[in-house]
């Protein structure tokens, strides 16, 4: 069963998507990301950036779980986080 929610893009993912956020209608994270890729086919860098990103679903890290096994909730949020440069030394 599909749910509707929001995908939020950060840093390089935001630049590649050309938007800060957009809606999803999907049952799993994999379906939501497939939909996002389909919406942004005119921006080929977007698909490349997604391959390097990590994801939070409703605030919980997805980690190494297969995206097809990560359910999405009604009114939920997917955060798309590209790798960040720098950090503490």
N, C-alpha and C. Protein backbone atom coordinates (compact mmCIF):
# COMPACT_ATOMS: atom_id res chain seq x y z
N UNK A 1 0.84 -1.18 0.00
CA UNK A 1 0.00 0.00 0.00
C UNK A 1 0.88 1.24 0.00
N UNK A 2 0.66 2.14 -0.92
CA UNK A 2 1.47 3.35 -1.04
C UNK A 2 1.14 4.36 0.05
N UNK A 3 2.16 5.12 0.41
CA UNK A 3 2.01 6.21 1.35
C UNK A 3 2.47 7.48 0.66
N UNK A 4 2.03 8.61 1.16
CA UNK A 4 2.47 9.90 0.64
C UNK A 4 3.27 10.61 1.70
N UNK A 5 4.35 11.26 1.28
CA UNK A 5 5.20 11.99 2.20
C UNK A 5 6.12 12.92 1.44
N UNK A 6 7.23 13.29 2.08
CA UNK A 6 8.15 14.28 1.54
C UNK A 6 9.56 13.72 1.47
N UNK A 7 10.23 13.97 0.35
CA UNK A 7 11.66 13.70 0.22
C UNK A 7 12.36 15.05 0.34
N UNK A 8 13.35 15.13 1.23
CA UNK A 8 14.14 16.35 1.40
C UNK A 8 15.57 16.06 0.93
N UNK A 9 16.06 16.94 0.08
CA UNK A 9 17.41 16.80 -0.46
C UNK A 9 18.34 17.79 0.21
N UNK A 10 19.56 17.35 0.51
CA UNK A 10 20.54 18.20 1.17
C UNK A 10 21.80 18.32 0.32
N UNK A 11 22.44 19.47 0.40
CA UNK A 11 23.75 19.74 -0.21
C UNK A 11 23.78 19.35 -1.69
N UNK A 12 24.71 18.46 -2.08
CA UNK A 12 24.87 18.08 -3.49
C UNK A 12 23.61 17.43 -4.05
N UNK A 13 22.85 16.72 -3.22
CA UNK A 13 21.61 16.10 -3.70
C UNK A 13 20.59 17.19 -4.05
N UNK A 14 20.53 18.23 -3.26
CA UNK A 14 19.63 19.36 -3.53
C UNK A 14 20.03 20.04 -4.84
N UNK A 15 21.32 20.26 -5.02
CA UNK A 15 21.80 20.89 -6.25
C UNK A 15 21.50 20.01 -7.47
N UNK A 16 21.71 18.72 -7.35
CA UNK A 16 21.47 17.80 -8.47
C UNK A 16 19.99 17.69 -8.81
N UNK A 17 19.13 17.72 -7.79
CA UNK A 17 17.68 17.61 -8.02
C UNK A 17 17.10 18.92 -8.54
N UNK A 18 17.71 20.04 -8.14
CA UNK A 18 17.18 21.34 -8.52
C UNK A 18 16.03 21.79 -7.65
N UNK A 19 15.72 21.03 -6.60
CA UNK A 19 14.67 21.38 -5.64
C UNK A 19 15.14 20.95 -4.25
N UNK A 20 14.61 21.60 -3.23
CA UNK A 20 14.96 21.25 -1.85
C UNK A 20 14.14 20.07 -1.35
N UNK A 21 12.91 19.96 -1.85
CA UNK A 21 12.06 18.84 -1.44
C UNK A 21 10.97 18.61 -2.45
N UNK A 22 10.39 17.42 -2.40
CA UNK A 22 9.28 17.06 -3.26
C UNK A 22 8.52 15.91 -2.61
N UNK A 23 7.34 15.67 -3.10
CA UNK A 23 6.53 14.61 -2.54
C UNK A 23 6.88 13.24 -3.08
N UNK A 24 6.49 12.22 -2.33
CA UNK A 24 6.56 10.85 -2.82
C UNK A 24 5.21 10.18 -2.65
N UNK A 25 4.96 9.19 -3.46
CA UNK A 25 3.85 8.26 -3.26
C UNK A 25 4.43 6.89 -3.54
N UNK A 26 4.72 6.16 -2.47
CA UNK A 26 5.43 4.89 -2.58
C UNK A 26 5.25 4.08 -1.31
N UNK A 27 5.43 2.78 -1.42
CA UNK A 27 5.35 1.90 -0.26
C UNK A 27 6.71 1.71 0.40
N UNK A 28 7.79 1.78 -0.41
CA UNK A 28 9.13 1.53 0.12
C UNK A 28 10.08 2.64 -0.32
N UNK A 29 11.22 2.70 0.34
CA UNK A 29 12.24 3.66 -0.03
C UNK A 29 12.68 3.44 -1.48
N UNK A 30 12.82 2.18 -1.90
CA UNK A 30 13.23 1.89 -3.28
C UNK A 30 12.24 2.48 -4.27
N UNK A 31 10.96 2.34 -4.01
CA UNK A 31 9.93 2.89 -4.91
C UNK A 31 9.99 4.42 -4.94
N UNK A 32 10.20 5.03 -3.79
CA UNK A 32 10.28 6.49 -3.73
C UNK A 32 11.48 7.00 -4.52
N UNK A 33 12.62 6.31 -4.38
CA UNK A 33 13.82 6.74 -5.11
C UNK A 33 13.68 6.49 -6.60
N UNK A 34 13.04 5.39 -6.98
CA UNK A 34 12.79 5.14 -8.41
C UNK A 34 11.92 6.26 -8.99
N UNK A 35 10.91 6.67 -8.25
CA UNK A 35 10.04 7.77 -8.69
C UNK A 35 10.81 9.07 -8.83
N UNK A 36 11.70 9.33 -7.87
CA UNK A 36 12.51 10.55 -7.92
C UNK A 36 13.43 10.52 -9.14
N UNK A 37 14.07 9.38 -9.39
CA UNK A 37 14.94 9.27 -10.57
C UNK A 37 14.14 9.52 -11.84
N UNK A 38 12.94 8.98 -11.92
CA UNK A 38 12.10 9.16 -13.11
C UNK A 38 11.72 10.63 -13.30
N UNK A 39 11.49 11.35 -12.20
CA UNK A 39 11.12 12.77 -12.31
C UNK A 39 12.29 13.65 -12.73
N UNK A 40 13.51 13.16 -12.51
CA UNK A 40 14.70 13.99 -12.75
C UNK A 40 15.59 13.44 -13.86
N UNK A 41 15.01 12.76 -14.84
CA UNK A 41 15.82 12.19 -15.92
C UNK A 41 16.53 13.28 -16.73
N UNK A 42 16.02 14.48 -16.75
CA UNK A 42 16.69 15.57 -17.47
C UNK A 42 17.94 16.06 -16.73
N UNK A 43 18.16 15.55 -15.51
CA UNK A 43 19.32 15.95 -14.70
C UNK A 43 20.12 14.68 -14.38
N UNK A 44 20.98 14.24 -15.32
CA UNK A 44 21.68 12.96 -15.15
C UNK A 44 22.56 12.89 -13.90
N UNK A 45 23.04 14.02 -13.43
CA UNK A 45 23.88 14.01 -12.22
C UNK A 45 23.08 13.54 -11.01
N UNK A 46 21.77 13.75 -11.03
CA UNK A 46 20.92 13.37 -9.90
C UNK A 46 21.06 11.87 -9.58
N UNK A 47 20.94 11.01 -10.57
CA UNK A 47 21.04 9.57 -10.35
C UNK A 47 22.42 9.19 -9.82
N UNK A 48 23.46 9.85 -10.31
CA UNK A 48 24.82 9.57 -9.82
C UNK A 48 24.97 9.98 -8.36
N UNK A 49 24.42 11.14 -8.00
CA UNK A 49 24.51 11.60 -6.61
C UNK A 49 23.77 10.64 -5.68
N UNK A 50 22.58 10.18 -6.09
CA UNK A 50 21.81 9.26 -5.24
C UNK A 50 22.58 7.99 -4.90
N UNK A 51 23.43 7.53 -5.80
CA UNK A 51 24.20 6.31 -5.55
C UNK A 51 25.16 6.47 -4.38
N UNK A 52 25.56 7.70 -4.08
CA UNK A 52 26.53 7.95 -3.02
C UNK A 52 25.88 8.41 -1.71
N UNK A 53 24.56 8.57 -1.72
CA UNK A 53 23.87 9.15 -0.55
C UNK A 53 23.55 8.11 0.52
N UNK A 54 23.35 8.64 1.71
CA UNK A 54 22.74 7.86 2.78
C UNK A 54 21.35 8.45 3.00
N UNK A 55 20.51 7.69 3.71
CA UNK A 55 19.11 8.08 3.83
C UNK A 55 18.63 7.93 5.26
N UNK A 56 17.77 8.84 5.65
CA UNK A 56 17.03 8.74 6.91
C UNK A 56 15.56 8.65 6.55
N UNK A 57 14.85 7.73 7.16
CA UNK A 57 13.41 7.61 6.96
C UNK A 57 12.75 7.89 8.30
N UNK A 58 12.00 8.97 8.35
CA UNK A 58 11.37 9.41 9.60
C UNK A 58 12.38 9.51 10.73
N UNK A 59 13.58 10.01 10.38
CA UNK A 59 14.63 10.24 11.37
C UNK A 59 15.51 9.05 11.68
N UNK A 60 15.20 7.88 11.15
CA UNK A 60 15.99 6.67 11.42
C UNK A 60 16.93 6.37 10.26
N UNK A 61 18.22 6.13 10.53
CA UNK A 61 19.15 5.80 9.46
C UNK A 61 18.78 4.49 8.78
N UNK A 62 18.86 4.47 7.46
CA UNK A 62 18.58 3.26 6.69
C UNK A 62 19.78 2.32 6.76
N UNK A 63 20.97 2.87 6.75
CA UNK A 63 22.18 2.06 6.81
C UNK A 63 22.30 1.17 5.58
N UNK A 64 22.64 -0.09 5.81
CA UNK A 64 22.88 -1.01 4.70
C UNK A 64 21.64 -1.84 4.34
N UNK A 65 20.51 -1.57 4.97
CA UNK A 65 19.30 -2.33 4.64
C UNK A 65 18.93 -2.13 3.17
N UNK A 66 18.49 -3.19 2.49
CA UNK A 66 18.02 -3.03 1.11
C UNK A 66 16.85 -2.05 1.07
N UNK A 67 16.89 -1.11 0.14
CA UNK A 67 15.87 -0.06 0.09
C UNK A 67 14.47 -0.61 -0.16
N UNK A 68 14.37 -1.76 -0.79
CA UNK A 68 13.07 -2.38 -1.02
C UNK A 68 12.44 -2.93 0.24
N UNK A 69 13.20 -3.05 1.32
CA UNK A 69 12.68 -3.57 2.58
C UNK A 69 12.37 -2.46 3.59
N UNK A 70 12.59 -1.22 3.19
CA UNK A 70 12.38 -0.09 4.10
C UNK A 70 11.01 0.52 3.80
N UNK A 71 10.01 0.29 4.67
CA UNK A 71 8.67 0.82 4.42
C UNK A 71 8.60 2.32 4.68
N UNK A 72 7.72 2.98 3.95
CA UNK A 72 7.49 4.41 4.15
C UNK A 72 6.13 4.61 4.81
N UNK A 73 6.04 5.65 5.64
CA UNK A 73 4.81 5.92 6.37
C UNK A 73 4.04 7.07 5.73
N UNK A 74 2.75 7.06 5.97
CA UNK A 74 1.89 8.16 5.51
C UNK A 74 2.34 9.43 6.20
N UNK A 75 2.62 10.47 5.42
CA UNK A 75 3.06 11.74 5.99
C UNK A 75 4.51 11.73 6.44
N UNK A 76 5.25 10.71 6.05
CA UNK A 76 6.64 10.56 6.48
C UNK A 76 7.60 11.45 5.71
N UNK A 77 8.87 11.34 6.13
CA UNK A 77 9.93 12.13 5.51
C UNK A 77 11.14 11.25 5.22
N UNK A 78 11.65 11.40 4.01
CA UNK A 78 12.90 10.76 3.60
C UNK A 78 13.93 11.88 3.45
N UNK A 79 15.03 11.78 4.18
CA UNK A 79 16.13 12.74 4.07
C UNK A 79 17.21 12.11 3.21
N UNK A 80 17.66 12.83 2.18
CA UNK A 80 18.69 12.35 1.25
C UNK A 80 19.97 13.11 1.57
N UNK A 81 20.97 12.39 2.10
CA UNK A 81 22.18 13.01 2.61
C UNK A 81 23.39 12.56 1.80
N UNK A 82 23.96 13.44 0.98
CA UNK A 82 25.18 13.08 0.27
C UNK A 82 26.36 13.04 1.24
N UNK A 83 27.45 12.41 0.84
CA UNK A 83 28.63 12.43 1.71
C UNK A 83 29.09 13.87 1.91
N UNK A 84 29.49 14.17 3.12
CA UNK A 84 29.95 15.52 3.41
C UNK A 84 31.46 15.51 3.54
N UNK A 85 32.08 16.52 2.96
CA UNK A 85 33.54 16.67 3.06
C UNK A 85 33.89 17.34 4.38
N UNK A 86 35.12 17.17 4.77
CA UNK A 86 35.60 17.85 5.99
C UNK A 86 35.33 17.03 7.23
N UNK A 87 35.06 17.72 8.31
CA UNK A 87 34.84 17.05 9.59
C UNK A 87 35.91 17.44 10.57
N UNK A 88 35.84 16.89 11.74
CA UNK A 88 36.79 17.21 12.81
C UNK A 88 38.14 16.57 12.53
N UNK A 89 39.17 17.25 12.94
CA UNK A 89 40.54 16.72 12.79
C UNK A 89 41.19 16.63 14.12
